[in-house]
């Protein structure tokens, strides 16, 4: 199960960092060509290259000098929205619990129960994600053994 989750994460990372298919190359100020991937494309020194792929350095520099510098593009990487348990569907809750906590929830369970189960999983300590929290009983109260009466002064018959 862990292997499958890791493979899914790797696949999603590959999709996020994939080279752009419509504009596969970027050109730098010095005429060098680079793959058009998000991390390279956000650097302002690079811009999309629409010239021939097999052009030599002189032809690429001529293309670079003939283009307007206003054609630079800016890539904005957006953060995904945080998971909202209140608006999520049953299938989303089941997949979220599997991805985040490694817990398998039943999709046929009522939505309110699924939300409660997912909320409880989120509140578990990190060291024990698969077990329910165990409440420890308080230590027993210390009790003293009754003292024996002291002789002498407490006795009225004397």
C-alpha atoms as a PDB file:
ATOM      1  CA  UNK A   1       0.000   0.000   0.000  1.00  0.00           C
ATOM      2  CA  UNK A   2       2.834   2.392   0.840  1.00  0.00           C
ATOM      3  CA  UNK A   3       4.519   1.566  -2.467  1.00  0.00           C
ATOM      4  CA  UNK A   4       1.329   2.428  -4.349  1.00  0.00           C
ATOM      5  CA  UNK A   5       1.003   5.758  -2.529  1.00  0.00           C
ATOM      6  CA  UNK A   6       4.642   6.600  -3.288  1.00  0.00           C
ATOM      7  CA  UNK A   7       4.148   5.736  -6.949  1.00  0.00           C
ATOM      8  CA  UNK A   8       1.073   7.990  -7.095  1.00  0.00           C
ATOM      9  CA  UNK A   9       3.020  10.866  -5.534  1.00  0.00           C
ATOM     10  CA  UNK A  10       5.870  10.381  -8.000  1.00  0.00           C
ATOM     11  CA  UNK A  11       3.426  10.312 -10.904  1.00  0.00           C
ATOM     12  CA  UNK A  12       1.775  13.550  -9.786  1.00  0.00           C
ATOM     13  CA  UNK A  13       5.212  15.178  -9.341  1.00  0.00           C
ATOM     14  CA  UNK A  14       6.147  14.107 -12.894  1.00  0.00           C
ATOM     15  CA  UNK A  15       2.943  15.665 -14.230  1.00  0.00           C
ATOM     16  CA  UNK A  16       3.561  18.922 -12.348  1.00  0.00           C
ATOM     17  CA  UNK A  17       7.159  19.212 -13.623  1.00  0.00           C
ATOM     18  CA  UNK A  18       6.499  18.006 -17.177  1.00  0.00           C
ATOM     19  CA  UNK A  19       7.924  19.865 -20.153  1.00  0.00           C
ATOM     20  CA  UNK A  20       5.431  22.065 -22.001  1.00  0.00           C
ATOM     21  CA  UNK A  21       4.345  20.320 -25.216  1.00  0.00           C
ATOM     22  CA  UNK A  22       3.234  23.424 -27.164  1.00  0.00           C
ATOM     23  CA  UNK A  23       6.432  25.385 -26.451  1.00  0.00           C
ATOM     24  CA  UNK A  24       9.024  22.769 -25.516  1.00  0.00           C
ATOM     25  CA  UNK A  25      12.070  25.056 -25.432  1.00  0.00           C
ATOM     26  CA  UNK A  26      13.121  28.232 -23.658  1.00  0.00           C
ATOM     27  CA  UNK A  27      15.980  30.472 -24.759  1.00  0.00           C
ATOM     28  CA  UNK A  28      18.307  32.289 -22.390  1.00  0.00           C
ATOM     29  CA  UNK A  29      19.871  35.730 -22.987  1.00  0.00           C
ATOM     30  CA  UNK A  30      23.048  34.108 -24.337  1.00  0.00           C
ATOM     31  CA  UNK A  31      21.195  31.979 -26.933  1.00  0.00           C
ATOM     32  CA  UNK A  32      21.327  28.643 -25.103  1.00  0.00           C
ATOM     33  CA  UNK A  33      18.226  26.447 -25.275  1.00  0.00           C
ATOM     34  CA  UNK A  34      16.654  24.804 -22.209  1.00  0.00           C
ATOM     35  CA  UNK A  35      13.594  22.599 -21.654  1.00  0.00           C
ATOM     36  CA  UNK A  36      10.409  24.471 -20.817  1.00  0.00           C
ATOM     37  CA  UNK A  37       9.641  23.180 -17.312  1.00  0.00           C
ATOM     38  CA  UNK A  38       7.984  25.296 -14.568  1.00  0.00           C
ATOM     39  CA  UNK A  39      11.093  25.806 -12.421  1.00  0.00           C
ATOM     40  CA  UNK A  40      13.181  27.043 -15.355  1.00  0.00           C
ATOM     41  CA  UNK A  41      10.358  29.056 -16.920  1.00  0.00           C
ATOM     42  CA  UNK A  42       9.820  31.221 -13.839  1.00  0.00           C
ATOM     43  CA  UNK A  43      13.338  32.657 -14.171  1.00  0.00           C
ATOM     44  CA  UNK A  44      13.107  36.034 -15.977  1.00  0.00           C
ATOM     45  CA  UNK A  45      16.266  35.305 -18.036  1.00  0.00           C
ATOM     46  CA  UNK A  46      14.358  32.657 -20.032  1.00  0.00           C
ATOM     47  CA  UNK A  47      11.608  33.139 -22.580  1.00  0.00           C
ATOM     48  CA  UNK A  48       9.752  30.819 -24.961  1.00  0.00           C
ATOM     49  CA  UNK A  49      11.671  29.901 -28.105  1.00  0.00           C
ATOM     50  CA  UNK A  50       9.623  29.552 -31.301  1.00  0.00           C
ATOM     51  CA  UNK A  51      12.508  29.279 -33.737  1.00  0.00           C
ATOM     52  CA  UNK A  52      13.884  26.136 -35.394  1.00  0.00           C
ATOM     53  CA  UNK A  53      15.210  23.534 -32.986  1.00  0.00           C
ATOM     54  CA  UNK A  54      18.254  22.713 -35.066  1.00  0.00           C
ATOM     55  CA  UNK A  55      19.377  26.349 -35.513  1.00  0.00           C
ATOM     56  CA  UNK A  56      22.989  27.187 -34.718  1.00  0.00           C
ATOM     57  CA  UNK A  57      23.992  29.809 -32.136  1.00  0.00           C
ATOM     58  CA  UNK A  58      24.159  32.664 -34.705  1.00  0.00           C
ATOM     59  CA  UNK A  59      20.640  31.927 -35.942  1.00  0.00           C
ATOM     60  CA  UNK A  60      19.304  31.689 -32.369  1.00  0.00           C
ATOM     61  CA  UNK A  61      20.943  35.018 -31.452  1.00  0.00           C
ATOM     62  CA  UNK A  62      19.448  36.604 -34.588  1.00  0.00           C
ATOM     63  CA  UNK A  63      16.040  35.236 -33.591  1.00  0.00           C
ATOM     64  CA  UNK A  64      16.573  36.488 -30.035  1.00  0.00           C
ATOM     65  CA  UNK A  65      17.537  40.005 -31.201  1.00  0.00           C
ATOM     66  CA  UNK A  66      14.605  40.136 -33.615  1.00  0.00           C
ATOM     67  CA  UNK A  67      11.964  39.391 -30.977  1.00  0.00           C
ATOM     68  CA  UNK A  68      10.414  41.877 -28.620  1.00  0.00           C
ATOM     69  CA  UNK A  69      11.476  41.655 -24.983  1.00  0.00           C
ATOM     70  CA  UNK A  70       7.803  42.037 -24.051  1.00  0.00           C
ATOM     71  CA  UNK A  71       7.219  38.414 -25.046  1.00  0.00           C
ATOM     72  CA  UNK A  72       8.573  37.162 -21.748  1.00  0.00           C
ATOM     73  CA  UNK A  73       6.102  35.224 -19.745  1.00  0.00           C
ATOM     74  CA  UNK A  74       5.701  34.831 -16.059  1.00  0.00           C
ATOM     75  CA  UNK A  75       4.779  31.488 -14.533  1.00  0.00           C
ATOM     76  CA  UNK A  76       2.839  31.613 -11.298  1.00  0.00           C
ATOM     77  CA  UNK A  77       2.785  28.373  -9.355  1.00  0.00           C
ATOM     78  CA  UNK A  78      -0.421  28.259  -7.349  1.00  0.00           C
ATOM     79  CA  UNK A  79      -0.715  26.511  -4.012  1.00  0.00           C
ATOM     80  CA  UNK A  80      -3.499  23.932  -3.910  1.00  0.00           C
ATOM     81  CA  UNK A  81      -6.426  24.830  -1.697  1.00  0.00           C
ATOM     82  CA  UNK A  82      -6.370  23.145   1.713  1.00  0.00           C
ATOM     83  CA  UNK A  83      -8.705  20.212   2.204  1.00  0.00           C
ATOM     84  CA  UNK A  84     -12.086  21.329   3.576  1.00  0.00           C
ATOM     85  CA  UNK A  85     -13.708  18.553   5.562  1.00  0.00           C
ATOM     86  CA  UNK A  86     -17.018  20.431   5.761  1.00  0.00           C
ATOM     87  CA  UNK A  87     -17.567  20.618   1.995  1.00  0.00           C
ATOM     88  CA  UNK A  88     -15.876  17.374   0.900  1.00  0.00           C
ATOM     89  CA  UNK A  89     -17.851  14.492  -0.556  1.00  0.00           C
ATOM     90  CA  UNK A  90     -17.662  10.952   0.798  1.00  0.00           C
ATOM     91  CA  UNK A  91     -15.251   9.829  -1.941  1.00  0.00           C
ATOM     92  CA  UNK A  92     -12.991  12.839  -1.331  1.00  0.00           C
ATOM     93  CA  UNK A  93     -12.903  12.096   2.408  1.00  0.00           C
ATOM     94  CA  UNK A  94     -12.064   8.429   1.805  1.00  0.00           C
ATOM     95  CA  UNK A  95      -9.220   9.291  -0.596  1.00  0.00           C
ATOM     96  CA  UNK A  96      -7.933  12.072   1.707  1.00  0.00           C
ATOM     97  CA  UNK A  97      -7.837   9.719   4.705  1.00  0.00           C
ATOM     98  CA  UNK A  98      -5.957   7.150   2.628  1.00  0.00           C
ATOM     99  CA  UNK A  99      -3.413   9.677   1.305  1.00  0.00           C
ATOM    100  CA  UNK A 100      -2.813  11.635   4.500  1.00  0.00           C
ATOM    101  CA  UNK A 101      -3.224   9.082   7.263  1.00  0.00           C
ATOM    102  CA  UNK A 102      -3.008   5.694   5.546  1.00  0.00           C
ATOM    103  CA  UNK A 103      -6.404   4.765   6.962  1.00  0.00           C
ATOM    104  CA  UNK A 104      -9.019   2.952   4.896  1.00  0.00           C
ATOM    105  CA  UNK A 105     -12.525   4.288   5.450  1.00  0.00           C
ATOM    106  CA  UNK A 106     -15.717   2.746   4.109  1.00  0.00           C
ATOM    107  CA  UNK A 107     -17.324   4.938   1.449  1.00  0.00           C
ATOM    108  CA  UNK A 108     -20.781   3.549   2.311  1.00  0.00           C
ATOM    109  CA  UNK A 109     -20.625   5.066   5.802  1.00  0.00           C
ATOM    110  CA  UNK A 110     -22.854   8.131   6.256  1.00  0.00           C
ATOM    111  CA  UNK A 111     -21.132  11.411   5.478  1.00  0.00           C
ATOM    112  CA  UNK A 112     -21.406  12.704   9.035  1.00  0.00           C
ATOM    113  CA  UNK A 113     -19.666   9.575  10.397  1.00  0.00           C
ATOM    114  CA  UNK A 114     -16.939   9.815   7.727  1.00  0.00           C
ATOM    115  CA  UNK A 115     -16.248  13.415   8.710  1.00  0.00           C
ATOM    116  CA  UNK A 116     -16.081  12.407  12.359  1.00  0.00           C
ATOM    117  CA  UNK A 117     -13.694   9.528  11.601  1.00  0.00           C
ATOM    118  CA  UNK A 118     -11.444  11.758   9.499  1.00  0.00           C
ATOM    119  CA  UNK A 119     -11.466  14.433  12.198  1.00  0.00           C
ATOM    120  CA  UNK A 120     -10.462  11.826  14.787  1.00  0.00           C
ATOM    121  CA  UNK A 121      -7.636  10.614  12.535  1.00  0.00           C
ATOM    122  CA  UNK A 122      -6.355  14.173  12.221  1.00  0.00           C
ATOM    123  CA  UNK A 123      -6.259  14.570  15.991  1.00  0.00           C
ATOM    124  CA  UNK A 124      -4.266  11.394  16.656  1.00  0.00           C
ATOM    125  CA  UNK A 125      -0.689  11.861  17.799  1.00  0.00           C
ATOM    126  CA  UNK A 126       1.877  11.345  15.019  1.00  0.00           C
ATOM    127  CA  UNK A 127       3.564   8.425  16.753  1.00  0.00           C
ATOM    128  CA  UNK A 128       0.442   6.227  16.693  1.00  0.00           C
ATOM    129  CA  UNK A 129      -1.507   6.882  13.481  1.00  0.00           C
ATOM    130  CA  UNK A 130      -2.977   3.363  13.242  1.00  0.00           C
ATOM    131  CA  UNK A 131      -4.195   2.998  16.810  1.00  0.00           C
ATOM    132  CA  UNK A 132      -6.929   4.785  18.685  1.00  0.00           C
ATOM    133  CA  UNK A 133      -5.742   6.939  21.579  1.00  0.00           C
ATOM    134  CA  UNK A 134      -5.533   5.031  24.832  1.00  0.00           C
ATOM    135  CA  UNK A 135      -6.545   6.842  27.971  1.00  0.00           C
ATOM    136  CA  UNK A 136      -4.270   6.102  30.851  1.00  0.00           C
ATOM    137  CA  UNK A 137      -5.819   5.464  34.233  1.00  0.00           C
ATOM    138  CA  UNK A 138      -4.638   7.837  36.967  1.00  0.00           C
ATOM    139  CA  UNK A 139      -2.166   6.321  39.409  1.00  0.00           C
ATOM    140  CA  UNK A 140      -3.820   4.797  42.483  1.00  0.00           C
ATOM    141  CA  UNK A 141      -4.169   7.116  45.428  1.00  0.00           C
ATOM    142  CA  UNK A 142      -1.738   6.479  48.245  1.00  0.00           C
ATOM    143  CA  UNK A 143      -3.408   5.247  51.380  1.00  0.00           C
ATOM    144  CA  UNK A 144      -1.896   4.944  54.802  1.00  0.00           C
ATOM    145  CA  UNK A 145      -2.310   2.014  57.066  1.00  0.00           C
ATOM    146  CA  UNK A 146      -4.231   2.956  60.230  1.00  0.00           C
ATOM    147  CA  UNK A 147      -1.938   3.748  63.133  1.00  0.00           C
ATOM    148  CA  UNK A 148      -2.085   1.859  66.320  1.00  0.00           C
ATOM    149  CA  UNK A 149      -3.245   3.930  69.327  1.00  0.00           C
ATOM    150  CA  UNK A 150      -0.470   5.253  71.486  1.00  0.00           C
ATOM    151  CA  UNK A 151      -0.527   4.257  75.061  1.00  0.00           C
ATOM    152  CA  UNK A 152      -0.443   6.447  78.099  1.00  0.00           C
ATOM    153  CA  UNK A 153      -2.038   9.819  77.859  1.00  0.00           C
ATOM    154  CA  UNK A 154      -5.000   8.926  75.735  1.00  0.00           C
ATOM    155  CA  UNK A 155      -6.322   6.389  78.249  1.00  0.00           C
ATOM    156  CA  UNK A 156      -8.848   7.863  80.754  1.00  0.00           C
ATOM    157  CA  UNK A 157      -8.815   4.856  83.082  1.00  0.00           C
ATOM    158  CA  UNK A 158      -5.490   5.354  84.630  1.00  0.00           C
END
